[in-house]
Amino acid sequence: HGLTMLWDWSDSVMNVVMFVPIGFCFQLTRPAGVALSWTRVLLVGAALSGGIEIAQLFEATRFTSLVDVATNSGGALIGAALYQVV
């Protein structure tokens, strides 16, 4: 219980995939014609992921990981980039 730096590829890939819709939906909420703010997308992804990781501190069977915050934030950025492509 607590902070861990353990990770594996499948967990990291799933964290990225799980947050792609967050970045995509964040861009959907922006007014038309407003430029993509990578910083805002990164902060939203990190804030949501950080909240999840803090909540896991109180779960006996879960571990908090900074790697999860980084991969989740990266997933949000990928989702925002996909919105730009679409």
PDB file of N, CA and C in Angstrom:
ATOM      1  N   HIS A   1       0.845  -1.182   0.000  1.00  0.00           N
ATOM      2  CA  HIS A   1       0.000   0.000   0.000  1.00  0.00           C
ATOM      3  C   HIS A   1       0.884   1.238   0.000  1.00  0.00           C
ATOM      4  N   GLY A   2       0.597   2.176  -0.884  1.00  0.00           N
ATOM      5  CA  GLY A   2       1.381   3.400  -0.952  1.00  0.00           C
ATOM      6  C   GLY A   2       1.847   3.671  -2.361  1.00  0.00           C
ATOM      7  N   LEU A   3       2.932   4.417  -2.489  1.00  0.00           N
ATOM      8  CA  LEU A   3       3.470   4.814  -3.783  1.00  0.00           C
ATOM      9  C   LEU A   3       4.391   3.724  -4.321  1.00  0.00           C
ATOM     10  N   THR A   4       4.218   3.391  -5.585  1.00  0.00           N
ATOM     11  CA  THR A   4       5.060   2.378  -6.201  1.00  0.00           C
ATOM     12  C   THR A   4       5.566   2.876  -7.540  1.00  0.00           C
ATOM     13  N   MET A   5       6.676   2.346  -7.979  1.00  0.00           N
ATOM     14  CA  MET A   5       7.206   2.657  -9.292  1.00  0.00           C
ATOM     15  C   MET A   5       7.187   1.416 -10.183  1.00  0.00           C
ATOM     16  N   LEU A   6       6.501   0.367  -9.737  1.00  0.00           N
ATOM     17  CA  LEU A   6       6.382  -0.849 -10.528  1.00  0.00           C
ATOM     18  C   LEU A   6       5.384  -0.624 -11.658  1.00  0.00           C
ATOM     19  N   TRP A   7       5.706  -1.167 -12.841  1.00  0.00           N
ATOM     20  CA  TRP A   7       4.806  -1.039 -13.983  1.00  0.00           C
ATOM     21  C   TRP A   7       5.131  -2.119 -14.984  1.00  0.00           C
ATOM     22  N   ASP A   8       4.198  -2.360 -15.877  1.00  0.00           N
ATOM     23  CA  ASP A   8       4.465  -3.254 -17.001  1.00  0.00           C
ATOM     24  C   ASP A   8       3.841  -2.629 -18.246  1.00  0.00           C
ATOM     25  N   TRP A   9       4.215  -3.158 -19.405  1.00  0.00           N
ATOM     26  CA  TRP A   9       3.781  -2.564 -20.670  1.00  0.00           C
ATOM     27  C   TRP A   9       2.276  -2.571 -20.832  1.00  0.00           C
ATOM     28  N   SER A  10       1.641  -3.668 -20.482  1.00  0.00           N
ATOM     29  CA  SER A  10       0.192  -3.761 -20.683  1.00  0.00           C
ATOM     30  C   SER A  10      -0.546  -2.748 -19.814  1.00  0.00           C
ATOM     31  N   ASP A  11      -0.086  -2.552 -18.591  1.00  0.00           N
ATOM     32  CA  ASP A  11      -0.702  -1.568 -17.705  1.00  0.00           C
ATOM     33  C   ASP A  11      -0.520  -0.156 -18.267  1.00  0.00           C
ATOM     34  N   SER A  12       0.665   0.136 -18.765  1.00  0.00           N
ATOM     35  CA  SER A  12       0.930   1.462 -19.327  1.00  0.00           C
ATOM     36  C   SER A  12       0.106   1.732 -20.577  1.00  0.00           C
ATOM     37  N   VAL A  13      -0.001   0.733 -21.448  1.00  0.00           N
ATOM     38  CA  VAL A  13      -0.797   0.883 -22.669  1.00  0.00           C
ATOM     39  C   VAL A  13      -2.267   1.108 -22.311  1.00  0.00           C
ATOM     40  N   MET A  14      -2.773   0.354 -21.358  1.00  0.00           N
ATOM     41  CA  MET A  14      -4.168   0.520 -20.944  1.00  0.00           C
ATOM     42  C   MET A  14      -4.416   1.892 -20.327  1.00  0.00           C
ATOM     43  N   ASN A  15      -3.442   2.419 -19.582  1.00  0.00           N
ATOM     44  CA  ASN A  15      -3.588   3.761 -19.012  1.00  0.00           C
ATOM     45  C   ASN A  15      -3.666   4.812 -20.108  1.00  0.00           C
ATOM     46  N   VAL A  16      -2.868   4.665 -21.143  1.00  0.00           N
ATOM     47  CA  VAL A  16      -2.910   5.613 -22.260  1.00  0.00           C
ATOM     48  C   VAL A  16      -4.260   5.520 -22.957  1.00  0.00           C
ATOM     49  N   VAL A  17      -4.670   4.301 -23.300  1.00  0.00           N
ATOM     50  CA  VAL A  17      -5.925   4.094 -24.023  1.00  0.00           C
ATOM     51  C   VAL A  17      -7.116   4.606 -23.216  1.00  0.00           C
ATOM     52  N   MET A  18      -7.077   4.416 -21.913  1.00  0.00           N
ATOM     53  CA  MET A  18      -8.183   4.831 -21.057  1.00  0.00           C
ATOM     54  C   MET A  18      -8.382   6.351 -21.056  1.00  0.00           C
ATOM     55  N   PHE A  19      -7.333   7.120 -21.262  1.00  0.00           N
ATOM     56  CA  PHE A  19      -7.442   8.573 -21.196  1.00  0.00           C
ATOM     57  C   PHE A  19      -7.521   9.251 -22.563  1.00  0.00           C
ATOM     58  N   VAL A  20      -7.411   8.504 -23.646  1.00  0.00           N
ATOM     59  CA  VAL A  20      -7.579   9.100 -24.975  1.00  0.00           C
ATOM     60  C   VAL A  20      -8.949   9.768 -25.104  1.00  0.00           C
ATOM     61  N   PRO A  21     -10.039   9.128 -24.655  1.00  0.00           N
ATOM     62  CA  PRO A  21     -11.341   9.804 -24.758  1.00  0.00           C
ATOM     63  C   PRO A  21     -11.431  11.093 -23.934  1.00  0.00           C
ATOM     64  N   ILE A  22     -10.675  11.179 -22.849  1.00  0.00           N
ATOM     65  CA  ILE A  22     -10.688  12.387 -22.031  1.00  0.00           C
ATOM     66  C   ILE A  22     -10.157  13.571 -22.837  1.00  0.00           C
ATOM     67  N   GLY A  23      -9.029  13.395 -23.487  1.00  0.00           N
ATOM     68  CA  GLY A  23      -8.461  14.468 -24.312  1.00  0.00           C
ATOM     69  C   GLY A  23      -9.336  14.803 -25.498  1.00  0.00           C
ATOM     70  N   PHE A  24      -9.924  13.769 -26.115  1.00  0.00           N
ATOM     71  CA  PHE A  24     -10.805  13.982 -27.260  1.00  0.00           C
ATOM     72  C   PHE A  24     -12.045  14.771 -26.835  1.00  0.00           C
ATOM     73  N   CYS A  25     -12.665  14.359 -25.744  1.00  0.00           N
ATOM     74  CA  CYS A  25     -13.868  15.049 -25.258  1.00  0.00           C
ATOM     75  C   CYS A  25     -13.557  16.450 -24.757  1.00  0.00           C
ATOM     76  N   PHE A  26     -12.387  16.648 -24.185  1.00  0.00           N
ATOM     77  CA  PHE A  26     -12.003  17.993 -23.753  1.00  0.00           C
ATOM     78  C   PHE A  26     -11.984  18.934 -24.947  1.00  0.00           C
ATOM     79  N   GLN A  27     -11.442  18.469 -26.053  1.00  0.00           N
ATOM     80  CA  GLN A  27     -11.409  19.303 -27.252  1.00  0.00           C
ATOM     81  C   GLN A  27     -12.806  19.520 -27.821  1.00  0.00           C
ATOM     82  N   LEU A  28     -13.702  18.564 -27.662  1.00  0.00           N
ATOM     83  CA  LEU A  28     -15.086  18.736 -28.119  1.00  0.00           C
ATOM     84  C   LEU A  28     -15.792  19.863 -27.370  1.00  0.00           C
ATOM     85  N   THR A  29     -15.402  20.098 -26.123  1.00  0.00           N
ATOM     86  CA  THR A  29     -16.060  21.130 -25.317  1.00  0.00           C
ATOM     87  C   THR A  29     -15.538  22.530 -25.612  1.00  0.00           C
ATOM     88  N   ARG A  30     -14.454  22.631 -26.352  1.00  0.00           N
ATOM     89  CA  ARG A  30     -13.869  23.937 -26.668  1.00  0.00           C
ATOM     90  C   ARG A  30     -14.684  24.617 -27.761  1.00  0.00           C
ATOM     91  N   PRO A  31     -14.804  25.939 -27.709  1.00  0.00           N
ATOM     92  CA  PRO A  31     -15.521  26.653 -28.780  1.00  0.00           C
ATOM     93  C   PRO A  31     -14.820  26.463 -30.127  1.00  0.00           C
ATOM     94  N   ALA A  32     -15.604  26.479 -31.177  1.00  0.00           N
ATOM     95  CA  ALA A  32     -15.054  26.310 -32.525  1.00  0.00           C
ATOM     96  C   ALA A  32     -14.062  27.428 -32.828  1.00  0.00           C
ATOM     97  N   GLY A  33     -12.968  27.068 -33.443  1.00  0.00           N
ATOM     98  CA  GLY A  33     -11.963  28.042 -33.846  1.00  0.00           C
ATOM     99  C   GLY A  33     -10.921  28.357 -32.791  1.00  0.00           C
ATOM    100  N   VAL A  34     -11.097  27.857 -31.576  1.00  0.00           N
ATOM    101  CA  VAL A  34     -10.115  28.100 -30.519  1.00  0.00           C
ATOM    102  C   VAL A  34      -8.958  27.131 -30.713  1.00  0.00           C
ATOM    103  N   ALA A  35      -7.750  27.658 -30.680  1.00  0.00           N
ATOM    104  CA  ALA A  35      -6.560  26.836 -30.896  1.00  0.00           C
ATOM    105  C   ALA A  35      -6.389  25.811 -29.772  1.00  0.00           C
ATOM    106  N   LEU A  36      -5.787  24.693 -30.120  1.00  0.00           N
ATOM    107  CA  LEU A  36      -5.510  23.637 -29.156  1.00  0.00           C
ATOM    108  C   LEU A  36      -4.497  24.123 -28.134  1.00  0.00           C
ATOM    109  N   SER A  37      -4.838  23.986 -26.862  1.00  0.00           N
ATOM    110  CA  SER A  37      -3.928  24.345 -25.783  1.00  0.00           C
ATOM    111  C   SER A  37      -3.378  23.055 -25.175  1.00  0.00           C
ATOM    112  N   TRP A  38      -2.175  22.684 -25.601  1.00  0.00           N
ATOM    113  CA  TRP A  38      -1.558  21.450 -25.112  1.00  0.00           C
ATOM    114  C   TRP A  38      -1.387  21.481 -23.604  1.00  0.00           C
ATOM    115  N   THR A  39      -1.092  22.661 -23.075  1.00  0.00           N
ATOM    116  CA  THR A  39      -0.881  22.791 -21.626  1.00  0.00           C
ATOM    117  C   THR A  39      -2.166  22.482 -20.874  1.00  0.00           C
ATOM    118  N   ARG A  40      -3.283  23.006 -21.353  1.00  0.00           N
ATOM    119  CA  ARG A  40      -4.563  22.751 -20.680  1.00  0.00           C
ATOM    120  C   ARG A  40      -4.941  21.277 -20.749  1.00  0.00           C
ATOM    121  N   VAL A  41      -4.743  20.664 -21.889  1.00  0.00           N
ATOM    122  CA  VAL A  41      -5.054  19.237 -22.027  1.00  0.00           C
ATOM    123  C   VAL A  41      -4.187  18.433 -21.065  1.00  0.00           C
ATOM    124  N   LEU A  42      -2.913  18.764 -21.002  1.00  0.00           N
ATOM    125  CA  LEU A  42      -2.000  18.064 -20.097  1.00  0.00           C
ATOM    126  C   LEU A  42      -2.425  18.255 -18.644  1.00  0.00           C
ATOM    127  N   LEU A  43      -2.795  19.469 -18.276  1.00  0.00           N
ATOM    128  CA  LEU A  43      -3.213  19.734 -16.897  1.00  0.00           C
ATOM    129  C   LEU A  43      -4.514  19.018 -16.544  1.00  0.00           C
ATOM    130  N   VAL A  44      -5.465  18.987 -17.472  1.00  0.00           N
ATOM    131  CA  VAL A  44      -6.717  18.274 -17.211  1.00  0.00           C
ATOM    132  C   VAL A  44      -6.438  16.787 -17.036  1.00  0.00           C
ATOM    133  N   GLY A  45      -5.643  16.216 -17.919  1.00  0.00           N
ATOM    134  CA  GLY A  45      -5.296  14.798 -17.800  1.00  0.00           C
ATOM    135  C   GLY A  45      -4.561  14.490 -16.504  1.00  0.00           C
ATOM    136  N   ALA A  46      -3.616  15.340 -16.162  1.00  0.00           N
ATOM    137  CA  ALA A  46      -2.849  15.123 -14.928  1.00  0.00           C
ATOM    138  C   ALA A  46      -3.720  15.308 -13.691  1.00  0.00           C
ATOM    139  N   ALA A  47      -4.615  16.281 -13.712  1.00  0.00           N
ATOM    140  CA  ALA A  47      -5.486  16.515 -12.558  1.00  0.00           C
ATOM    141  C   ALA A  47      -6.452  15.349 -12.341  1.00  0.00           C
ATOM    142  N   LEU A  48      -7.067  14.864 -13.416  1.00  0.00           N
ATOM    143  CA  LEU A  48      -7.964  13.712 -13.288  1.00  0.00           C
ATOM    144  C   LEU A  48      -7.210  12.468 -12.834  1.00  0.00           C
ATOM    145  N   SER A  49      -6.069  12.236 -13.439  1.00  0.00           N
ATOM    146  CA  SER A  49      -5.272  11.081 -13.064  1.00  0.00           C
ATOM    147  C   SER A  49      -4.770  11.200 -11.624  1.00  0.00           C
ATOM    148  N   GLY A  50      -4.339  12.387 -11.251  1.00  0.00           N
ATOM    149  CA  GLY A  50      -3.881  12.606  -9.877  1.00  0.00           C
ATOM    150  C   GLY A  50      -4.980  12.350  -8.862  1.00  0.00           C
ATOM    151  N   GLY A  51      -6.203  12.771  -9.201  1.00  0.00           N
ATOM    152  CA  GLY A  51      -7.331  12.503  -8.312  1.00  0.00           C
ATOM    153  C   GLY A  51      -7.586  11.015  -8.142  1.00  0.00           C
ATOM    154  N   ILE A  52      -7.494  10.293  -9.243  1.00  0.00           N
ATOM    155  CA  ILE A  52      -7.669   8.837  -9.184  1.00  0.00           C
ATOM    156  C   ILE A  52      -6.574   8.203  -8.327  1.00  0.00           C
ATOM    157  N   GLU A  53      -5.349   8.632  -8.545  1.00  0.00           N
ATOM    158  CA  GLU A  53      -4.227   8.059  -7.789  1.00  0.00           C
ATOM    159  C   GLU A  53      -4.314   8.403  -6.303  1.00  0.00           C
ATOM    160  N   ILE A  54      -4.760   9.593  -5.961  1.00  0.00           N
ATOM    161  CA  ILE A  54      -4.929   9.960  -4.545  1.00  0.00           C
ATOM    162  C   ILE A  54      -6.017   9.097  -3.910  1.00  0.00           C
ATOM    163  N   ALA A  55      -7.111   8.876  -4.651  1.00  0.00           N
ATOM    164  CA  ALA A  55      -8.179   8.019  -4.131  1.00  0.00           C
ATOM    165  C   ALA A  55      -7.673   6.604  -3.884  1.00  0.00           C
ATOM    166  N   GLN A  56      -6.732   6.139  -4.707  1.00  0.00           N
ATOM    167  CA  GLN A  56      -6.193   4.790  -4.534  1.00  0.00           C
ATOM    168  C   GLN A  56      -5.349   4.661  -3.271  1.00  0.00           C
ATOM    169  N   LEU A  57      -4.905   5.778  -2.716  1.00  0.00           N
ATOM    170  CA  LEU A  57      -4.166   5.711  -1.453  1.00  0.00           C
ATOM    171  C   LEU A  57      -5.021   5.116  -0.338  1.00  0.00           C
ATOM    172  N   PHE A  58      -6.332   5.266  -0.453  1.00  0.00           N
ATOM    173  CA  PHE A  58      -7.247   4.816   0.593  1.00  0.00           C
ATOM    174  C   PHE A  58      -7.856   3.447   0.303  1.00  0.00           C
ATOM    175  N   GLU A  59      -7.440   2.818  -0.773  1.00  0.00           N
ATOM    176  CA  GLU A  59      -7.893   1.475  -1.119  1.00  0.00           C
ATOM    177  C   GLU A  59      -6.789   0.484  -0.741  1.00  0.00           C
ATOM    178  N   ALA A  60      -7.140  -0.492   0.061  1.00  0.00           N
ATOM    179  CA  ALA A  60      -6.140  -1.442   0.564  1.00  0.00           C
ATOM    180  C   ALA A  60      -5.520  -2.289  -0.546  1.00  0.00           C
ATOM    181  N   THR A  61      -6.247  -2.523  -1.625  1.00  0.00           N
ATOM    182  CA  THR A  61      -5.749  -3.409  -2.672  1.00  0.00           C
ATOM    183  C   THR A  61      -5.135  -2.659  -3.854  1.00  0.00           C
ATOM    184  N   ARG A  62      -5.046  -1.348  -3.797  1.00  0.00           N
ATOM    185  CA  ARG A  62      -4.556  -0.545  -4.920  1.00  0.00           C
ATOM    186  C   ARG A  62      -3.248   0.148  -4.541  1.00  0.00           C
ATOM    187  N   PHE A  63      -2.469   0.496  -5.568  1.00  0.00           N
ATOM    188  CA  PHE A  63      -1.211   1.194  -5.375  1.00  0.00           C
ATOM    189  C   PHE A  63      -1.225   2.481  -6.182  1.00  0.00           C
ATOM    190  N   THR A  64      -0.651   3.517  -5.633  1.00  0.00           N
ATOM    191  CA  THR A  64      -0.538   4.805  -6.311  1.00  0.00           C
ATOM    192  C   THR A  64       0.778   4.823  -7.082  1.00  0.00           C
ATOM    193  N   SER A  65       0.734   5.301  -8.332  1.00  0.00           N
ATOM    194  CA  SER A  65       1.929   5.305  -9.157  1.00  0.00           C
ATOM    195  C   SER A  65       2.035   6.589  -9.964  1.00  0.00           C
ATOM    196  N   LEU A  66       3.205   7.186  -9.936  1.00  0.00           N
ATOM    197  CA  LEU A  66       3.454   8.375 -10.753  1.00  0.00           C
ATOM    198  C   LEU A  66       3.543   8.009 -12.234  1.00  0.00           C
ATOM    199  N   VAL A  67       3.895   6.763 -12.525  1.00  0.00           N
ATOM    200  CA  VAL A  67       3.918   6.292 -13.909  1.00  0.00           C
ATOM    201  C   VAL A  67       2.505   6.332 -14.479  1.00  0.00           C
ATOM    202  N   ASP A  68       1.515   5.986 -13.666  1.00  0.00           N
ATOM    203  CA  ASP A  68       0.124   6.046 -14.109  1.00  0.00           C
ATOM    204  C   ASP A  68      -0.283   7.478 -14.448  1.00  0.00           C
ATOM    205  N   VAL A  69       0.130   8.427 -13.644  1.00  0.00           N
ATOM    206  CA  VAL A  69      -0.199   9.834 -13.912  1.00  0.00           C
ATOM    207  C   VAL A  69       0.423  10.266 -15.242  1.00  0.00           C
ATOM    208  N   ALA A  70       1.655   9.872 -15.482  1.00  0.00           N
ATOM    209  CA  ALA A  70       2.332  10.252 -16.726  1.00  0.00           C
ATOM    210  C   ALA A  70       1.676   9.602 -17.941  1.00  0.00           C
ATOM    211  N   THR A  71       1.357   8.313 -17.850  1.00  0.00           N
ATOM    212  CA  THR A  71       0.761   7.640 -19.003  1.00  0.00           C
ATOM    213  C   THR A  71      -0.672   8.103 -19.242  1.00  0.00           C
ATOM    214  N   ASN A  72      -1.414   8.361 -18.188  1.00  0.00           N
ATOM    215  CA  ASN A  72      -2.767   8.885 -18.353  1.00  0.00           C
ATOM    216  C   ASN A  72      -2.737  10.269 -19.006  1.00  0.00           C
ATOM    217  N   SER A  73      -1.825  11.108 -18.570  1.00  0.00           N
ATOM    218  CA  SER A  73      -1.697  12.450 -19.157  1.00  0.00           C
ATOM    219  C   SER A  73      -1.311  12.355 -20.627  1.00  0.00           C
ATOM    220  N   GLY A  74      -0.426  11.437 -20.934  1.00  0.00           N
ATOM    221  CA  GLY A  74      -0.051  11.213 -22.332  1.00  0.00           C
ATOM    222  C   GLY A  74      -1.231  10.751 -23.167  1.00  0.00           C
ATOM    223  N   GLY A  75      -2.084   9.925 -22.595  1.00  0.00           N
ATOM    224  CA  GLY A  75      -3.287   9.484 -23.294  1.00  0.00           C
ATOM    225  C   GLY A  75      -4.225  10.640 -23.597  1.00  0.00           C
ATOM    226  N   ALA A  76      -4.347  11.571 -22.656  1.00  0.00           N
ATOM    227  CA  ALA A  76      -5.187  12.756 -22.887  1.00  0.00           C
ATOM    228  C   ALA A  76      -4.616  13.595 -24.031  1.00  0.00           C
ATOM    229  N   LEU A  77      -3.300  13.734 -24.073  1.00  0.00           N
ATOM    230  CA  LEU A  77      -2.674  14.484 -25.171  1.00  0.00           C
ATOM    231  C   LEU A  77      -2.901  13.801 -26.514  1.00  0.00           C
ATOM    232  N   ILE A  78      -2.824  12.484 -26.542  1.00  0.00           N
ATOM    233  CA  ILE A  78      -3.068  11.747 -27.779  1.00  0.00           C
ATOM    234  C   ILE A  78      -4.514  11.927 -28.215  1.00  0.00           C
ATOM    235  N   GLY A  79      -5.446  11.907 -27.268  1.00  0.00           N
ATOM    236  CA  GLY A  79      -6.850  12.118 -27.601  1.00  0.00           C
ATOM    237  C   GLY A  79      -7.096  13.489 -28.196  1.00  0.00           C
ATOM    238  N   ALA A  80      -6.454  14.527 -27.655  1.00  0.00           N
ATOM    239  CA  ALA A  80      -6.592  15.874 -28.198  1.00  0.00           C
ATOM    240  C   ALA A  80      -5.997  15.961 -29.593  1.00  0.00           C
ATOM    241  N   ALA A  81      -4.875  15.283 -29.795  1.00  0.00           N
ATOM    242  CA  ALA A  81      -4.252  15.270 -31.121  1.00  0.00           C
ATOM    243  C   ALA A  81      -5.142  14.544 -32.131  1.00  0.00           C
ATOM    244  N   LEU A  82      -5.784  13.456 -31.711  1.00  0.00           N
ATOM    245  CA  LEU A  82      -6.701  12.744 -32.598  1.00  0.00           C
ATOM    246  C   LEU A  82      -7.888  13.619 -32.981  1.00  0.00           C
ATOM    247  N   TYR A  83      -8.351  14.432 -32.058  1.00  0.00           N
ATOM    248  CA  TYR A  83      -9.437  15.361 -32.373  1.00  0.00           C
ATOM    249  C   TYR A  83      -9.000  16.323 -33.477  1.00  0.00           C
ATOM    250  N   GLN A  84      -7.784  16.803 -33.376  1.00  0.00           N
ATOM    251  CA  GLN A  84      -7.268  17.723 -34.395  1.00  0.00           C
ATOM    252  C   GLN A  84      -7.209  17.048 -35.756  1.00  0.00           C
ATOM    253  N   VAL A  85      -6.861  15.761 -35.777  1.00  0.00           N
ATOM    254  CA  VAL A  85      -6.764  15.021 -37.033  1.00  0.00           C
ATOM    255  C   VAL A  85      -8.148  14.783 -37.631  1.00  0.00           C
ATOM    256  N   VAL A  86      -9.083  14.431 -36.768  1.00  0.00           N
ATOM    257  CA  VAL A  86     -10.450  14.142 -37.225  1.00  0.00           C
ATOM    258  C   VAL A  86     -11.100  15.435 -37.661  1.00  0.00           C
TER     259      VAL A  86
END
